[in-house]
Amino acid sequence: MIHAAGPYLLASVLVGLGVYGVLARRNAVLMLVGAELVLGGGGLLLVTAGALGADRSWTGQVLTLFVITIAAAEVVVALAVIVAAYRRRGRIDLGQDAG
């Protein structure tokens, strides 16, 4: 049996770094990395809760697989939007005007 403090601490660090990356950065790619860190922390929490509980249906692990597939689709769509914005504007900094 694993101790709960390690994974919970790691998940909170991942979510904290992800929120900081989304809120403090203006670069679109770094904001995407921050969002992925938040999803990774959430997935770690789901797996940890599933491993520590007496759940026989593996709900935490199954939900984590759904989170991973949704995150992969999100990355593909977001990178396509970022590339299109870069081709149109010449930069990916979200804090500057389009003009």
PDB file of N, CA and C in Angstrom:
ATOM      1  N   MET A   1       0.836  -1.178   0.000  1.00  0.00           N
ATOM      2  CA  MET A   1       0.000   0.000   0.000  1.00  0.00           C
ATOM      3  C   MET A   1       0.883   1.244   0.000  1.00  0.00           C
ATOM      4  N   ILE A   2       0.539   2.211  -0.797  1.00  0.00           N
ATOM      5  CA  ILE A   2       1.323   3.435  -0.880  1.00  0.00           C
ATOM      6  C   ILE A   2       0.824   4.447   0.136  1.00  0.00           C
ATOM      7  N   HIS A   3       1.704   5.344   0.500  1.00  0.00           N
ATOM      8  CA  HIS A   3       1.307   6.428   1.395  1.00  0.00           C
ATOM      9  C   HIS A   3       0.726   7.555   0.553  1.00  0.00           C
ATOM     10  N   ALA A   4      -0.316   8.184   1.025  1.00  0.00           N
ATOM     11  CA  ALA A   4      -1.057   9.147   0.220  1.00  0.00           C
ATOM     12  C   ALA A   4      -0.369  10.494   0.099  1.00  0.00           C
ATOM     13  N   ALA A   5       0.542  10.826   1.004  1.00  0.00           N
ATOM     14  CA  ALA A   5       1.116  12.176   1.018  1.00  0.00           C
ATOM     15  C   ALA A   5       1.965  12.460  -0.220  1.00  0.00           C
ATOM     16  N   GLY A   6       2.732  11.501  -0.679  1.00  0.00           N
ATOM     17  CA  GLY A   6       3.620  11.714  -1.832  1.00  0.00           C
ATOM     18  C   GLY A   6       2.878  12.062  -3.116  1.00  0.00           C
ATOM     19  N   PRO A   7       1.950  11.196  -3.562  1.00  0.00           N
ATOM     20  CA  PRO A   7       1.208  11.523  -4.790  1.00  0.00           C
ATOM     21  C   PRO A   7       0.357  12.769  -4.669  1.00  0.00           C
ATOM     22  N   TYR A   8      -0.246  13.002  -3.492  1.00  0.00           N
ATOM     23  CA  TYR A   8      -1.060  14.214  -3.322  1.00  0.00           C
ATOM     24  C   TYR A   8      -0.194  15.464  -3.384  1.00  0.00           C
ATOM     25  N   LEU A   9       0.977  15.408  -2.789  1.00  0.00           N
ATOM     26  CA  LEU A   9       1.887  16.545  -2.840  1.00  0.00           C
ATOM     27  C   LEU A   9       2.360  16.801  -4.268  1.00  0.00           C
ATOM     28  N   LEU A  10       2.728  15.730  -4.982  1.00  0.00           N
ATOM     29  CA  LEU A  10       3.164  15.875  -6.373  1.00  0.00           C
ATOM     30  C   LEU A  10       2.034  16.422  -7.250  1.00  0.00           C
ATOM     31  N   ALA A  11       0.820  15.935  -7.046  1.00  0.00           N
ATOM     32  CA  ALA A  11      -0.319  16.428  -7.827  1.00  0.00           C
ATOM     33  C   ALA A  11      -0.584  17.897  -7.537  1.00  0.00           C
ATOM     34  N   SER A  12      -0.462  18.308  -6.280  1.00  0.00           N
ATOM     35  CA  SER A  12      -0.687  19.723  -5.964  1.00  0.00           C
ATOM     36  C   SER A  12       0.402  20.603  -6.552  1.00  0.00           C
ATOM     37  N   VAL A  13       1.635  20.114  -6.591  1.00  0.00           N
ATOM     38  CA  VAL A  13       2.723  20.871  -7.233  1.00  0.00           C
ATOM     39  C   VAL A  13       2.473  20.994  -8.733  1.00  0.00           C
ATOM     40  N   LEU A  14       2.051  19.913  -9.369  1.00  0.00           N
ATOM     41  CA  LEU A  14       1.758  19.948 -10.804  1.00  0.00           C
ATOM     42  C   LEU A  14       0.621  20.913 -11.119  1.00  0.00           C
ATOM     43  N   VAL A  15      -0.432  20.860 -10.337  1.00  0.00           N
ATOM     44  CA  VAL A  15      -1.566  21.754 -10.577  1.00  0.00           C
ATOM     45  C   VAL A  15      -1.169  23.198 -10.304  1.00  0.00           C
ATOM     46  N   GLY A  16      -0.401  23.441  -9.248  1.00  0.00           N
ATOM     47  CA  GLY A  16       0.052  24.800  -8.949  1.00  0.00           C
ATOM     48  C   GLY A  16       0.925  25.374 -10.045  1.00  0.00           C
ATOM     49  N   LEU A  17       1.867  24.572 -10.550  1.00  0.00           N
ATOM     50  CA  LEU A  17       2.709  25.031 -11.665  1.00  0.00           C
ATOM     51  C   LEU A  17       1.890  25.254 -12.928  1.00  0.00           C
ATOM     52  N   GLY A  18       0.914  24.397 -13.157  1.00  0.00           N
ATOM     53  CA  GLY A  18       0.064  24.558 -14.332  1.00  0.00           C
ATOM     54  C   GLY A  18      -0.777  25.816 -14.272  1.00  0.00           C
ATOM     55  N   VAL A  19      -1.349  26.099 -13.112  1.00  0.00           N
ATOM     56  CA  VAL A  19      -2.151  27.314 -12.960  1.00  0.00           C
ATOM     57  C   VAL A  19      -1.272  28.546 -13.108  1.00  0.00           C
ATOM     58  N   TYR A  20      -0.072  28.501 -12.536  1.00  0.00           N
ATOM     59  CA  TYR A  20       0.858  29.622 -12.707  1.00  0.00           C
ATOM     60  C   TYR A  20       1.208  29.800 -14.189  1.00  0.00           C
ATOM     61  N   GLY A  21       1.455  28.700 -14.885  1.00  0.00           N
ATOM     62  CA  GLY A  21       1.782  28.780 -16.306  1.00  0.00           C
ATOM     63  C   GLY A  21       0.663  29.350 -17.149  1.00  0.00           C
ATOM     64  N   VAL A  22      -0.574  29.039 -16.788  1.00  0.00           N
ATOM     65  CA  VAL A  22      -1.707  29.558 -17.555  1.00  0.00           C
ATOM     66  C   VAL A  22      -1.941  31.031 -17.246  1.00  0.00           C
ATOM     67  N   LEU A  23      -1.821  31.413 -15.987  1.00  0.00           N
ATOM     68  CA  LEU A  23      -2.149  32.777 -15.599  1.00  0.00           C
ATOM     69  C   LEU A  23      -1.016  33.781 -15.837  1.00  0.00           C
ATOM     70  N   ALA A  24       0.230  33.360 -15.693  1.00  0.00           N
ATOM     71  CA  ALA A  24       1.341  34.308 -15.735  1.00  0.00           C
ATOM     72  C   ALA A  24       1.988  34.429 -17.113  1.00  0.00           C
ATOM     73  N   ARG A  25       1.785  33.474 -17.966  1.00  0.00           N
ATOM     74  CA  ARG A  25       2.461  33.482 -19.263  1.00  0.00           C
ATOM     75  C   ARG A  25       1.564  34.062 -20.342  1.00  0.00           C
ATOM     76  N   ARG A  26       2.162  34.664 -21.334  1.00  0.00           N
ATOM     77  CA  ARG A  26       1.420  35.182 -22.476  1.00  0.00           C
ATOM     78  C   ARG A  26       1.744  34.408 -23.745  1.00  0.00           C
ATOM     79  N   ASN A  27       2.696  33.511 -23.694  1.00  0.00           N
ATOM     80  CA  ASN A  27       3.049  32.682 -24.844  1.00  0.00           C
ATOM     81  C   ASN A  27       2.030  31.544 -24.940  1.00  0.00           C
ATOM     82  N   ALA A  28       1.467  31.337 -26.117  1.00  0.00           N
ATOM     83  CA  ALA A  28       0.407  30.347 -26.288  1.00  0.00           C
ATOM     84  C   ALA A  28       0.892  28.923 -26.017  1.00  0.00           C
ATOM     85  N   VAL A  29       2.110  28.602 -26.403  1.00  0.00           N
ATOM     86  CA  VAL A  29       2.624  27.254 -26.184  1.00  0.00           C
ATOM     87  C   VAL A  29       2.839  27.008 -24.692  1.00  0.00           C
ATOM     88  N   LEU A  30       3.359  28.001 -23.972  1.00  0.00           N
ATOM     89  CA  LEU A  30       3.565  27.833 -22.541  1.00  0.00           C
ATOM     90  C   LEU A  30       2.239  27.747 -21.789  1.00  0.00           C
ATOM     91  N   MET A  31       1.229  28.433 -22.269  1.00  0.00           N
ATOM     92  CA  MET A  31      -0.099  28.297 -21.665  1.00  0.00           C
ATOM     93  C   MET A  31      -0.658  26.893 -21.904  1.00  0.00           C
ATOM     94  N   LEU A  32      -0.385  26.333 -23.065  1.00  0.00           N
ATOM     95  CA  LEU A  32      -0.813  24.966 -23.363  1.00  0.00           C
ATOM     96  C   LEU A  32      -0.088  23.968 -22.459  1.00  0.00           C
ATOM     97  N   VAL A  33       1.197  24.192 -22.223  1.00  0.00           N
ATOM     98  CA  VAL A  33       1.956  23.320 -21.317  1.00  0.00           C
ATOM     99  C   VAL A  33       1.378  23.408 -19.905  1.00  0.00           C
ATOM    100  N   GLY A  34       0.998  24.617 -19.483  1.00  0.00           N
ATOM    101  CA  GLY A  34       0.383  24.778 -18.166  1.00  0.00           C
ATOM    102  C   GLY A  34      -0.930  24.012 -18.052  1.00  0.00           C
ATOM    103  N   ALA A  35      -1.732  24.059 -19.092  1.00  0.00           N
ATOM    104  CA  ALA A  35      -2.992  23.311 -19.077  1.00  0.00           C
ATOM    105  C   ALA A  35      -2.739  21.807 -19.014  1.00  0.00           C
ATOM    106  N   GLU A  36      -1.712  21.359 -19.683  1.00  0.00           N
ATOM    107  CA  GLU A  36      -1.372  19.933 -19.638  1.00  0.00           C
ATOM    108  C   GLU A  36      -0.866  19.524 -18.259  1.00  0.00           C
ATOM    109  N   LEU A  37      -0.168  20.420 -17.571  1.00  0.00           N
ATOM    110  CA  LEU A  37       0.265  20.121 -16.205  1.00  0.00           C
ATOM    111  C   LEU A  37      -0.932  19.978 -15.274  1.00  0.00           C
ATOM    112  N   VAL A  38      -1.936  20.815 -15.452  1.00  0.00           N
ATOM    113  CA  VAL A  38      -3.145  20.705 -14.638  1.00  0.00           C
ATOM    114  C   VAL A  38      -3.839  19.370 -14.901  1.00  0.00           C
ATOM    115  N   LEU A  39      -3.936  18.984 -16.156  1.00  0.00           N
ATOM    116  CA  LEU A  39      -4.552  17.689 -16.482  1.00  0.00           C
ATOM    117  C   LEU A  39      -3.732  16.521 -15.936  1.00  0.00           C
ATOM    118  N   GLY A  40      -2.414  16.649 -15.968  1.00  0.00           N
ATOM    119  CA  GLY A  40      -1.556  15.601 -15.412  1.00  0.00           C
ATOM    120  C   GLY A  40      -1.734  15.466 -13.906  1.00  0.00           C
ATOM    121  N   GLY A  41      -1.840  16.591 -13.221  1.00  0.00           N
ATOM    122  CA  GLY A  41      -2.089  16.546 -11.779  1.00  0.00           C
ATOM    123  C   GLY A  41      -3.435  15.925 -11.451  1.00  0.00           C
ATOM    124  N   GLY A  42      -4.439  16.250 -12.241  1.00  0.00           N
ATOM    125  CA  GLY A  42      -5.755  15.649 -12.041  1.00  0.00           C
ATOM    126  C   GLY A  42      -5.745  14.146 -12.283  1.00  0.00           C
ATOM    127  N   GLY A  43      -5.030  13.730 -13.310  1.00  0.00           N
ATOM    128  CA  GLY A  43      -4.904  12.293 -13.579  1.00  0.00           C
ATOM    129  C   GLY A  43      -4.188  11.560 -12.464  1.00  0.00           C
ATOM    130  N   LEU A  44      -3.150  12.192 -11.919  1.00  0.00           N
ATOM    131  CA  LEU A  44      -2.431  11.585 -10.797  1.00  0.00           C
ATOM    132  C   LEU A  44      -3.338  11.449  -9.580  1.00  0.00           C
ATOM    133  N   LEU A  45      -4.169  12.459  -9.334  1.00  0.00           N
ATOM    134  CA  LEU A  45      -5.120  12.362  -8.226  1.00  0.00           C
ATOM    135  C   LEU A  45      -6.129  11.240  -8.442  1.00  0.00           C
ATOM    136  N   LEU A  46      -6.598  11.076  -9.677  1.00  0.00           N
ATOM    137  CA  LEU A  46      -7.548   9.996  -9.961  1.00  0.00           C
ATOM    138  C   LEU A  46      -6.921   8.625  -9.745  1.00  0.00           C
ATOM    139  N   VAL A  47      -5.701   8.438 -10.215  1.00  0.00           N
ATOM    140  CA  VAL A  47      -5.029   7.147 -10.052  1.00  0.00           C
ATOM    141  C   VAL A  47      -4.737   6.877  -8.584  1.00  0.00           C
ATOM    142  N   THR A  48      -4.310   7.900  -7.852  1.00  0.00           N
ATOM    143  CA  THR A  48      -4.012   7.723  -6.432  1.00  0.00           C
ATOM    144  C   THR A  48      -5.275   7.379  -5.646  1.00  0.00           C
ATOM    145  N   ALA A  49      -6.355   8.093  -5.913  1.00  0.00           N
ATOM    146  CA  ALA A  49      -7.612   7.800  -5.216  1.00  0.00           C
ATOM    147  C   ALA A  49      -8.102   6.395  -5.550  1.00  0.00           C
ATOM    148  N   GLY A  50      -7.926   5.968  -6.784  1.00  0.00           N
ATOM    149  CA  GLY A  50      -8.329   4.618  -7.155  1.00  0.00           C
ATOM    150  C   GLY A  50      -7.465   3.545  -6.511  1.00  0.00           C
ATOM    151  N   ALA A  51      -6.164   3.834  -6.351  1.00  0.00           N
ATOM    152  CA  ALA A  51      -5.264   2.856  -5.742  1.00  0.00           C
ATOM    153  C   ALA A  51      -5.464   2.763  -4.237  1.00  0.00           C
ATOM    154  N   LEU A  52      -5.818   3.871  -3.598  1.00  0.00           N
ATOM    155  CA  LEU A  52      -5.983   3.862  -2.147  1.00  0.00           C
ATOM    156  C   LEU A  52      -7.354   3.375  -1.705  1.00  0.00           C
ATOM    157  N   GLY A  53      -8.336   3.491  -2.558  1.00  0.00           N
ATOM    158  CA  GLY A  53      -9.688   3.072  -2.193  1.00  0.00           C
ATOM    159  C   GLY A  53      -9.892   1.591  -2.418  1.00  0.00           C
ATOM    160  N   ALA A  54     -11.016   1.115  -1.966  1.00  0.00           N
ATOM    161  CA  ALA A  54     -11.360  -0.295  -2.129  1.00  0.00           C
ATOM    162  C   ALA A  54     -12.268  -0.492  -3.338  1.00  0.00           C
ATOM    163  N   ASP A  55     -12.023   0.274  -4.396  1.00  0.00           N
ATOM    164  CA  ASP A  55     -12.866   0.221  -5.590  1.00  0.00           C
ATOM    165  C   ASP A  55     -12.439  -0.951  -6.469  1.00  0.00           C
ATOM    166  N   ARG A  56     -13.349  -1.846  -6.727  1.00  0.00           N
ATOM    167  CA  ARG A  56     -13.044  -3.021  -7.546  1.00  0.00           C
ATOM    168  C   ARG A  56     -13.210  -2.755  -9.040  1.00  0.00           C
ATOM    169  N   SER A  57     -13.830  -1.647  -9.418  1.00  0.00           N
ATOM    170  CA  SER A  57     -14.109  -1.401 -10.831  1.00  0.00           C
ATOM    171  C   SER A  57     -13.032  -0.552 -11.509  1.00  0.00           C
ATOM    172  N   TRP A  58     -11.984  -0.183 -10.805  1.00  0.00           N
ATOM    173  CA  TRP A  58     -10.847   0.570 -11.360  1.00  0.00           C
ATOM    174  C   TRP A  58     -11.301   1.894 -11.953  1.00  0.00           C
ATOM    175  N   THR A  59     -12.195   2.570 -11.295  1.00  0.00           N
ATOM    176  CA  THR A  59     -12.780   3.796 -11.814  1.00  0.00           C
ATOM    177  C   THR A  59     -11.745   4.896 -12.007  1.00  0.00           C
ATOM    178  N   GLY A  60     -10.838   5.065 -11.044  1.00  0.00           N
ATOM    179  CA  GLY A  60      -9.814   6.106 -11.154  1.00  0.00           C
ATOM    180  C   GLY A  60      -8.906   5.898 -12.346  1.00  0.00           C
ATOM    181  N   GLN A  61      -8.501   4.660 -12.574  1.00  0.00           N
ATOM    182  CA  GLN A  61      -7.615   4.374 -13.695  1.00  0.00           C
ATOM    183  C   GLN A  61      -8.330   4.535 -15.032  1.00  0.00           C
ATOM    184  N   VAL A  62      -9.592   4.135 -15.093  1.00  0.00           N
ATOM    185  CA  VAL A  62     -10.358   4.270 -16.337  1.00  0.00           C
ATOM    186  C   VAL A  62     -10.604   5.741 -16.654  1.00  0.00           C
ATOM    187  N   LEU A  63     -10.954   6.535 -15.643  1.00  0.00           N
ATOM    188  CA  LEU A  63     -11.147   7.963 -15.865  1.00  0.00           C
ATOM    189  C   LEU A  63      -9.851   8.640 -16.288  1.00  0.00           C
ATOM    190  N   THR A  64      -8.726   8.171 -15.760  1.00  0.00           N
ATOM    191  CA  THR A  64      -7.436   8.724 -16.166  1.00  0.00           C
ATOM    192  C   THR A  64      -7.154   8.446 -17.632  1.00  0.00           C
ATOM    193  N   LEU A  65      -7.529   7.288 -18.126  1.00  0.00           N
ATOM    194  CA  LEU A  65      -7.371   7.005 -19.553  1.00  0.00           C
ATOM    195  C   LEU A  65      -8.215   7.956 -20.399  1.00  0.00           C
ATOM    196  N   PHE A  66      -9.422   8.278 -19.936  1.00  0.00           N
ATOM    197  CA  PHE A  66     -10.250   9.255 -20.644  1.00  0.00           C
ATOM    198  C   PHE A  66      -9.607  10.639 -20.613  1.00  0.00           C
ATOM    199  N   VAL A  67      -9.035  11.021 -19.479  1.00  0.00           N
ATOM    200  CA  VAL A  67      -8.364  12.322 -19.370  1.00  0.00           C
ATOM    201  C   VAL A  67      -7.178  12.379 -20.326  1.00  0.00           C
ATOM    202  N   ILE A  68      -6.425  11.301 -20.431  1.00  0.00           N
ATOM    203  CA  ILE A  68      -5.268  11.269 -21.329  1.00  0.00           C
ATOM    204  C   ILE A  68      -5.705  11.398 -22.782  1.00  0.00           C
ATOM    205  N   THR A  69      -6.779  10.708 -23.179  1.00  0.00           N
ATOM    206  CA  THR A  69      -7.220  10.806 -24.567  1.00  0.00           C
ATOM    207  C   THR A  69      -7.781  12.193 -24.886  1.00  0.00           C
ATOM    208  N   ILE A  70      -8.509  12.771 -23.944  1.00  0.00           N
ATOM    209  CA  ILE A  70      -9.020  14.127 -24.161  1.00  0.00           C
ATOM    210  C   ILE A  70      -7.874  15.124 -24.220  1.00  0.00           C
ATOM    211  N   ALA A  71      -6.857  14.944 -23.383  1.00  0.00           N
ATOM    212  CA  ALA A  71      -5.700  15.840 -23.400  1.00  0.00           C
ATOM    213  C   ALA A  71      -4.944  15.731 -24.721  1.00  0.00           C
ATOM    214  N   ALA A  72      -4.841  14.529 -25.260  1.00  0.00           N
ATOM    215  CA  ALA A  72      -4.154  14.363 -26.541  1.00  0.00           C
ATOM    216  C   ALA A  72      -4.922  15.069 -27.663  1.00  0.00           C
ATOM    217  N   ALA A  73      -6.231  14.939 -27.664  1.00  0.00           N
ATOM    218  CA  ALA A  73      -7.036  15.636 -28.673  1.00  0.00           C
ATOM    219  C   ALA A  73      -6.954  17.139 -28.494  1.00  0.00           C
ATOM    220  N   GLU A  74      -6.929  17.595 -27.247  1.00  0.00           N
ATOM    221  CA  GLU A  74      -6.816  19.029 -26.972  1.00  0.00           C
ATOM    222  C   GLU A  74      -5.489  19.586 -27.475  1.00  0.00           C
ATOM    223  N   VAL A  75      -4.426  18.843 -27.293  1.00  0.00           N
ATOM    224  CA  VAL A  75      -3.107  19.295 -27.754  1.00  0.00           C
ATOM    225  C   VAL A  75      -3.088  19.426 -29.267  1.00  0.00           C
ATOM    226  N   VAL A  76      -3.666  18.473 -29.960  1.00  0.00           N
ATOM    227  CA  VAL A  76      -3.679  18.519 -31.424  1.00  0.00           C
ATOM    228  C   VAL A  76      -4.449  19.743 -31.925  1.00  0.00           C
ATOM    229  N   VAL A  77      -5.618  19.971 -31.366  1.00  0.00           N
ATOM    230  CA  VAL A  77      -6.427  21.113 -31.800  1.00  0.00           C
ATOM    231  C   VAL A  77      -5.750  22.424 -31.412  1.00  0.00           C
ATOM    232  N   ALA A  78      -5.234  22.512 -30.198  1.00  0.00           N
ATOM    233  CA  ALA A  78      -4.601  23.757 -29.746  1.00  0.00           C
ATOM    234  C   ALA A  78      -3.348  24.070 -30.554  1.00  0.00           C
ATOM    235  N   LEU A  79      -2.543  23.072 -30.848  1.00  0.00           N
ATOM    236  CA  LEU A  79      -1.345  23.326 -31.660  1.00  0.00           C
ATOM    237  C   LEU A  79      -1.718  23.740 -33.080  1.00  0.00           C
ATOM    238  N   ALA A  80      -2.792  23.192 -33.622  1.00  0.00           N
ATOM    239  CA  ALA A  80      -3.239  23.625 -34.951  1.00  0.00           C
ATOM    240  C   ALA A  80      -3.677  25.085 -34.925  1.00  0.00           C
ATOM    241  N   VAL A  81      -4.372  25.483 -33.872  1.00  0.00           N
ATOM    242  CA  VAL A  81      -4.782  26.881 -33.742  1.00  0.00           C
ATOM    243  C   VAL A  81      -3.567  27.786 -33.557  1.00  0.00           C
ATOM    244  N   ILE A  82      -2.601  27.351 -32.767  1.00  0.00           N
ATOM    245  CA  ILE A  82      -1.391  28.144 -32.535  1.00  0.00           C
ATOM    246  C   ILE A  82      -0.596  28.312 -33.825  1.00  0.00           C
ATOM    247  N   VAL A  83      -0.468  27.248 -34.603  1.00  0.00           N
ATOM    248  CA  VAL A  83       0.263  27.342 -35.876  1.00  0.00           C
ATOM    249  C   VAL A  83      -0.472  28.270 -36.836  1.00  0.00           C
ATOM    250  N   ALA A  84      -1.795  28.179 -36.894  1.00  0.00           N
ATOM    251  CA  ALA A  84      -2.567  29.066 -37.765  1.00  0.00           C
ATOM    252  C   ALA A  84      -2.431  30.516 -37.321  1.00  0.00           C
ATOM    253  N   ALA A  85      -2.445  30.766 -36.021  1.00  0.00           N
ATOM    254  CA  ALA A  85      -2.273  32.132 -35.521  1.00  0.00           C
ATOM    255  C   ALA A  85      -0.869  32.648 -35.808  1.00  0.00           C
ATOM    256  N   TYR A  86       0.124  31.782 -35.706  1.00  0.00           N
ATOM    257  CA  TYR A  86       1.494  32.200 -36.007  1.00  0.00           C
ATOM    258  C   TYR A  86       1.643  32.552 -37.484  1.00  0.00           C
ATOM    259  N   ARG A  87       1.032  31.766 -38.343  1.00  0.00           N
ATOM    260  CA  ARG A  87       1.112  32.063 -39.781  1.00  0.00           C
ATOM    261  C   ARG A  87       0.405  33.371 -40.123  1.00  0.00           C
ATOM    262  N   ARG A  88      -0.662  33.673 -39.415  1.00  0.00           N
ATOM    263  CA  ARG A  88      -1.421  34.896 -39.697  1.00  0.00           C
ATOM    264  C   ARG A  88      -0.768  36.126 -39.077  1.00  0.00           C
ATOM    265  N   ARG A  89      -0.313  36.024 -37.831  1.00  0.00           N
ATOM    266  CA  ARG A  89       0.187  37.180 -37.097  1.00  0.00           C
ATOM    267  C   ARG A  89       1.701  37.300 -37.095  1.00  0.00           C
ATOM    268  N   GLY A  90       2.399  36.177 -37.246  1.00  0.00           N
ATOM    269  CA  GLY A  90       3.853  36.201 -37.202  1.00  0.00           C
ATOM    270  C   GLY A  90       4.423  36.045 -35.798  1.00  0.00           C
ATOM    271  N   ARG A  91       3.567  35.884 -34.801  1.00  0.00           N
ATOM    272  CA  ARG A  91       4.012  35.676 -33.409  1.00  0.00           C
ATOM    273  C   ARG A  91       2.898  34.909 -32.672  1.00  0.00           C
ATOM    274  N   ILE A  92       3.271  34.339 -31.542  1.00  0.00           N
ATOM    275  CA  ILE A  92       2.276  33.595 -30.765  1.00  0.00           C
ATOM    276  C   ILE A  92       2.085  34.198 -29.377  1.00  0.00           C
ATOM    277  N   ASP A  93       2.566  35.409 -29.171  1.00  0.00           N
ATOM    278  CA  ASP A  93       2.387  36.085 -27.908  1.00  0.00           C
ATOM    279  C   ASP A  93       0.946  36.577 -27.817  1.00  0.00           C
ATOM    280  N   LEU A  94       0.212  36.134 -26.808  1.00  0.00           N
ATOM    281  CA  LEU A  94      -1.201  36.467 -26.700  1.00  0.00           C
ATOM    282  C   LEU A  94      -1.440  37.831 -26.088  1.00  0.00           C
ATOM    283  N   GLY A  95      -0.415  38.457 -25.547  1.00  0.00           N
ATOM    284  CA  GLY A  95      -0.572  39.745 -24.918  1.00  0.00           C
ATOM    285  C   GLY A  95      -0.468  40.928 -25.875  1.00  0.00           C
ATOM    286  N   GLN A  96      -0.098  40.702 -27.127  1.00  0.00           N
ATOM    287  CA  GLN A  96       0.047  41.782 -28.095  1.00  0.00           C
ATOM    288  C   GLN A  96      -1.179  41.860 -28.991  1.00  0.00           C
ATOM    289  N   ASP A  97      -1.381  43.048 -29.580  1.00  0.00           N
ATOM    290  CA  ASP A  97      -2.498  43.236 -30.497  1.00  0.00           C
ATOM    291  C   ASP A  97      -2.230  42.530 -31.812  1.00  0.00           C
ATOM    292  N   ALA A  98      -3.299  42.277 -32.561  1.00  0.00           N
ATOM    293  CA  ALA A  98      -3.172  41.623 -33.858  1.00  0.00           C
ATOM    294  C   ALA A  98      -2.628  42.567 -34.924  1.00  0.00           C
ATOM    295  N   GLY A  99      -2.724  43.850 -34.681  1.00  0.00           N
ATOM    296  CA  GLY A  99      -2.320  44.835 -35.685  1.00  0.00           C
ATOM    297  C   GLY A  99      -0.883  44.987 -35.775  1.00  0.00           C
TER     298      GLY A  99
END
